[in-house]
Amino acid sequence: MTTGLRLYRGLEIYPLVYPHRATESGLGHNYDEGFDAAVRIQEPGSSNGISRSRVFRLSSATPFRNAGDARRASTAYAEHLIDTCPLNTNVLDLQA
């Protein structure tokens, strides 16, 4: 499950939210067990259509209660990564 784009300090942020437990074949989504989150940070598209991106997974001791909480947390995490990135370093080059 993906939500919209947010532009922050020249980088595109895409929150990625998905159910904590994967959907089993033939069954509906299981949203009762909460949600996990990640975030994709991407350079804006260039004239040749090539841009770099990277996905950062949020580590949380427990799943988020709802998709909105997970989305807000992933956006805040991306902003934190961008804000705390050392000078002369791109957040996409950080070691995991």
N, C-alpha and C. Protein backbone atom coordinates (compact mmCIF):
# COMPACT_ATOMS: atom_id res chain seq x y z
N MET A 1 0.86 -1.17 0.00
CA MET A 1 0.00 0.00 0.00
C MET A 1 0.91 1.23 0.00
N THR A 2 0.72 2.13 -0.90
CA THR A 2 1.54 3.31 -1.02
C THR A 2 0.67 4.55 -0.94
N THR A 3 1.24 5.63 -0.47
CA THR A 3 0.52 6.89 -0.46
C THR A 3 1.30 7.91 -1.28
N GLY A 4 0.83 9.13 -1.31
CA GLY A 4 1.37 10.14 -2.20
C GLY A 4 2.77 10.60 -1.88
N LEU A 5 3.28 11.36 -2.81
CA LEU A 5 4.61 11.94 -2.78
C LEU A 5 4.64 13.19 -1.92
N ARG A 6 5.77 13.40 -1.26
CA ARG A 6 6.02 14.64 -0.53
C ARG A 6 7.42 15.08 -0.92
N LEU A 7 7.58 16.34 -1.25
CA LEU A 7 8.88 16.89 -1.59
C LEU A 7 9.47 17.54 -0.35
N TYR A 8 10.69 17.15 0.02
CA TYR A 8 11.33 17.69 1.22
C TYR A 8 12.80 17.92 0.91
N ARG A 9 13.23 19.17 1.01
CA ARG A 9 14.61 19.57 0.77
C ARG A 9 15.16 19.02 -0.55
N GLY A 10 14.32 19.08 -1.56
CA GLY A 10 14.74 18.69 -2.90
C GLY A 10 14.68 17.19 -3.18
N LEU A 11 14.20 16.39 -2.23
CA LEU A 11 14.08 14.95 -2.44
C LEU A 11 12.61 14.55 -2.34
N GLU A 12 12.25 13.54 -3.10
CA GLU A 12 10.89 13.03 -3.05
C GLU A 12 10.80 11.95 -1.96
N ILE A 13 9.75 12.02 -1.15
CA ILE A 13 9.52 11.06 -0.08
C ILE A 13 8.23 10.31 -0.38
N TYR A 14 8.32 8.99 -0.39
CA TYR A 14 7.15 8.14 -0.63
C TYR A 14 6.97 7.21 0.57
N PRO A 15 6.00 7.47 1.46
CA PRO A 15 5.74 6.54 2.55
C PRO A 15 5.22 5.21 1.99
N LEU A 16 5.69 4.12 2.53
CA LEU A 16 5.27 2.78 2.13
C LEU A 16 4.68 2.10 3.36
N VAL A 17 3.40 1.78 3.31
CA VAL A 17 2.69 1.20 4.45
C VAL A 17 2.07 -0.11 4.00
N TYR A 18 2.21 -1.14 4.82
CA TYR A 18 1.70 -2.46 4.46
C TYR A 18 1.28 -3.21 5.72
N PRO A 19 0.36 -4.15 5.58
CA PRO A 19 -0.11 -4.91 6.76
C PRO A 19 1.05 -5.66 7.42
N HIS A 20 1.00 -5.73 8.75
CA HIS A 20 2.05 -6.41 9.51
C HIS A 20 2.13 -7.89 9.13
N ARG A 21 1.00 -8.50 8.94
CA ARG A 21 0.98 -9.91 8.52
C ARG A 21 0.57 -9.95 7.05
N ALA A 22 1.34 -10.70 6.28
CA ALA A 22 1.05 -10.81 4.85
C ALA A 22 -0.31 -11.47 4.63
N THR A 23 -0.97 -11.06 3.57
CA THR A 23 -2.27 -11.62 3.23
C THR A 23 -2.09 -13.05 2.74
N GLU A 24 -2.85 -13.97 3.33
CA GLU A 24 -2.77 -15.36 2.91
C GLU A 24 -3.64 -15.58 1.69
N SER A 25 -3.25 -16.53 0.89
CA SER A 25 -3.96 -16.83 -0.34
C SER A 25 -5.42 -17.15 -0.05
N GLY A 26 -6.31 -16.50 -0.77
CA GLY A 26 -7.74 -16.76 -0.64
C GLY A 26 -8.41 -16.02 0.51
N LEU A 27 -7.66 -15.26 1.30
CA LEU A 27 -8.24 -14.53 2.42
C LEU A 27 -8.11 -13.03 2.18
N GLY A 28 -8.90 -12.26 2.89
CA GLY A 28 -8.84 -10.81 2.78
C GLY A 28 -7.65 -10.26 3.56
N HIS A 29 -7.43 -8.97 3.45
CA HIS A 29 -6.35 -8.31 4.17
C HIS A 29 -6.57 -8.44 5.67
N ASN A 30 -5.48 -8.55 6.41
CA ASN A 30 -5.56 -8.63 7.86
C ASN A 30 -5.01 -7.33 8.44
N TYR A 31 -5.89 -6.35 8.63
CA TYR A 31 -5.47 -5.06 9.16
C TYR A 31 -5.54 -5.03 10.69
N ASP A 32 -6.13 -6.04 11.30
CA ASP A 32 -6.29 -6.05 12.76
C ASP A 32 -4.96 -6.16 13.49
N GLU A 33 -3.94 -6.73 12.86
CA GLU A 33 -2.65 -6.90 13.52
C GLU A 33 -1.72 -5.71 13.31
N GLY A 34 -2.22 -4.65 12.70
CA GLY A 34 -1.45 -3.43 12.55
C GLY A 34 -0.69 -3.35 11.24
N PHE A 35 0.20 -2.38 11.18
CA PHE A 35 0.90 -2.06 9.94
C PHE A 35 2.40 -1.88 10.19
N ASP A 36 3.19 -2.21 9.19
CA ASP A 36 4.61 -1.91 9.17
C ASP A 36 4.83 -0.79 8.15
N ALA A 37 6.01 -0.18 8.22
CA ALA A 37 6.25 0.95 7.32
C ALA A 37 7.70 1.00 6.86
N ALA A 38 7.86 1.61 5.71
CA ALA A 38 9.17 1.92 5.14
C ALA A 38 8.98 3.24 4.40
N VAL A 39 10.06 3.76 3.87
CA VAL A 39 9.97 4.99 3.10
C VAL A 39 10.97 4.93 1.96
N ARG A 40 10.51 5.37 0.80
CA ARG A 40 11.42 5.47 -0.35
C ARG A 40 11.78 6.94 -0.52
N ILE A 41 13.08 7.21 -0.54
CA ILE A 41 13.59 8.55 -0.79
C ILE A 41 14.19 8.53 -2.18
N GLN A 42 13.79 9.49 -2.98
CA GLN A 42 14.19 9.49 -4.39
C GLN A 42 14.59 10.88 -4.83
N GLU A 43 15.60 10.93 -5.70
CA GLU A 43 15.96 12.18 -6.34
C GLU A 43 14.88 12.49 -7.37
N PRO A 44 14.53 13.74 -7.55
CA PRO A 44 13.55 14.08 -8.59
C PRO A 44 14.05 13.62 -9.96
N GLY A 45 13.13 13.27 -10.83
CA GLY A 45 13.49 12.81 -12.17
C GLY A 45 14.29 13.85 -12.92
N SER A 46 15.30 13.40 -13.62
CA SER A 46 16.11 14.31 -14.43
C SER A 46 15.59 14.31 -15.86
N SER A 47 16.22 15.09 -16.70
CA SER A 47 15.76 15.20 -18.09
C SER A 47 15.88 13.88 -18.84
N ASN A 48 16.81 13.00 -18.42
CA ASN A 48 16.95 11.72 -19.11
C ASN A 48 16.06 10.64 -18.46
N GLY A 49 15.30 11.02 -17.44
CA GLY A 49 14.36 10.09 -16.83
C GLY A 49 14.97 9.15 -15.81
N ILE A 50 16.25 9.31 -15.50
CA ILE A 50 16.92 8.44 -14.54
C ILE A 50 17.11 9.18 -13.22
N SER A 51 16.67 8.54 -12.14
CA SER A 51 16.89 9.12 -10.82
C SER A 51 17.18 7.98 -9.84
N ARG A 52 17.98 8.28 -8.84
CA ARG A 52 18.31 7.28 -7.83
C ARG A 52 17.25 7.29 -6.74
N SER A 53 17.06 6.13 -6.12
CA SER A 53 16.17 6.05 -4.98
C SER A 53 16.66 4.96 -4.04
N ARG A 54 16.16 5.00 -2.84
CA ARG A 54 16.52 4.00 -1.84
C ARG A 54 15.37 3.84 -0.87
N VAL A 55 15.16 2.60 -0.40
CA VAL A 55 14.10 2.32 0.57
C VAL A 55 14.73 2.09 1.94
N PHE A 56 14.17 2.76 2.94
CA PHE A 56 14.59 2.61 4.33
C PHE A 56 13.42 2.05 5.11
N ARG A 57 13.64 0.93 5.79
CA ARG A 57 12.58 0.30 6.58
C ARG A 57 12.61 0.86 7.99
N LEU A 58 11.46 1.19 8.53
CA LEU A 58 11.36 1.64 9.91
C LEU A 58 11.40 0.41 10.81
N SER A 59 12.22 0.48 11.83
CA SER A 59 12.23 -0.62 12.78
C SER A 59 11.41 -0.18 13.99
N SER A 60 10.44 -0.99 14.31
CA SER A 60 9.54 -0.68 15.41
C SER A 60 9.32 -1.96 16.21
N ALA A 61 9.32 -1.84 17.53
CA ALA A 61 9.13 -3.02 18.38
C ALA A 61 7.75 -3.64 18.18
N THR A 62 6.78 -2.80 17.89
CA THR A 62 5.42 -3.28 17.67
C THR A 62 4.87 -2.65 16.39
N PRO A 63 3.91 -3.29 15.76
CA PRO A 63 3.31 -2.71 14.55
C PRO A 63 2.56 -1.41 14.88
N PHE A 64 2.43 -0.56 13.89
CA PHE A 64 1.62 0.65 14.05
C PHE A 64 0.15 0.26 14.09
N ARG A 65 -0.63 0.95 14.91
CA ARG A 65 -2.05 0.60 15.08
C ARG A 65 -2.87 0.83 13.83
N ASN A 66 -2.53 1.87 13.07
CA ASN A 66 -3.30 2.15 11.86
C ASN A 66 -2.38 2.68 10.77
N ALA A 67 -2.90 2.73 9.56
CA ALA A 67 -2.11 3.14 8.41
C ALA A 67 -1.68 4.60 8.51
N GLY A 68 -2.51 5.43 9.09
CA GLY A 68 -2.16 6.85 9.23
C GLY A 68 -0.95 7.05 10.12
N ASP A 69 -0.90 6.32 11.25
CA ASP A 69 0.26 6.41 12.15
C ASP A 69 1.53 5.94 11.43
N ALA A 70 1.42 4.86 10.67
CA ALA A 70 2.58 4.33 9.94
C ALA A 70 3.04 5.31 8.87
N ARG A 71 2.10 5.94 8.18
CA ARG A 71 2.45 6.90 7.14
C ARG A 71 3.15 8.12 7.74
N ARG A 72 2.61 8.64 8.84
CA ARG A 72 3.24 9.80 9.50
C ARG A 72 4.63 9.45 10.02
N ALA A 73 4.78 8.27 10.57
CA ALA A 73 6.09 7.85 11.09
C ALA A 73 7.10 7.71 9.97
N SER A 74 6.70 7.18 8.83
CA SER A 74 7.65 7.01 7.73
C SER A 74 8.07 8.36 7.15
N THR A 75 7.15 9.30 7.08
CA THR A 75 7.49 10.64 6.61
C THR A 75 8.45 11.32 7.58
N ALA A 76 8.17 11.21 8.88
CA ALA A 76 9.04 11.81 9.90
C ALA A 76 10.42 11.16 9.87
N TYR A 77 10.47 9.85 9.66
CA TYR A 77 11.75 9.15 9.59
C TYR A 77 12.58 9.63 8.40
N ALA A 78 11.94 9.80 7.25
CA ALA A 78 12.65 10.30 6.07
C ALA A 78 13.19 11.70 6.32
N GLU A 79 12.38 12.56 6.90
CA GLU A 79 12.84 13.92 7.20
C GLU A 79 14.02 13.89 8.17
N HIS A 80 13.96 13.00 9.16
CA HIS A 80 15.06 12.86 10.12
C HIS A 80 16.34 12.41 9.40
N LEU A 81 16.23 11.41 8.52
CA LEU A 81 17.41 10.94 7.78
C LEU A 81 18.01 12.06 6.95
N ILE A 82 17.16 12.82 6.28
CA ILE A 82 17.65 13.91 5.43
C ILE A 82 18.28 15.00 6.27
N ASP A 83 17.63 15.37 7.38
CA ASP A 83 18.13 16.45 8.24
C ASP A 83 19.45 16.10 8.94
N THR A 84 19.65 14.84 9.27
CA THR A 84 20.84 14.44 10.02
C THR A 84 21.95 13.89 9.12
N CYS A 85 21.77 13.93 7.83
CA CYS A 85 22.78 13.46 6.90
C CYS A 85 24.01 14.38 6.99
N PRO A 86 25.21 13.80 7.12
CA PRO A 86 26.42 14.64 7.21
C PRO A 86 26.58 15.55 5.99
N LEU A 87 27.24 16.67 6.20
CA LEU A 87 27.51 17.61 5.11
C LEU A 87 28.26 16.91 3.98
N ASN A 88 28.02 17.33 2.78
CA ASN A 88 28.65 16.80 1.57
C ASN A 88 28.37 15.31 1.36
N THR A 89 27.29 14.81 1.93
CA THR A 89 26.87 13.42 1.76
C THR A 89 25.41 13.42 1.35
N ASN A 90 25.06 12.53 0.44
CA ASN A 90 23.68 12.38 0.03
C ASN A 90 23.07 11.27 0.86
N VAL A 91 21.84 11.46 1.30
CA VAL A 91 21.15 10.46 2.12
C VAL A 91 21.06 9.11 1.39
N LEU A 92 21.07 9.14 0.07
CA LEU A 92 21.00 7.91 -0.70
C LEU A 92 22.32 7.12 -0.65
N ASP A 93 23.38 7.76 -0.18
CA ASP A 93 24.68 7.10 -0.09
C ASP A 93 24.99 6.59 1.33
N LEU A 94 24.10 6.83 2.29
CA LEU A 94 24.33 6.41 3.67
C LEU A 94 24.40 4.89 3.76
N GLN A 95 25.21 4.40 4.69
CA GLN A 95 25.30 2.96 4.96
C GLN A 95 24.08 2.54 5.76
N ALA A 96 23.54 1.40 5.42
CA ALA A 96 22.35 0.89 6.11
C ALA A 96 22.67 0.39 7.49
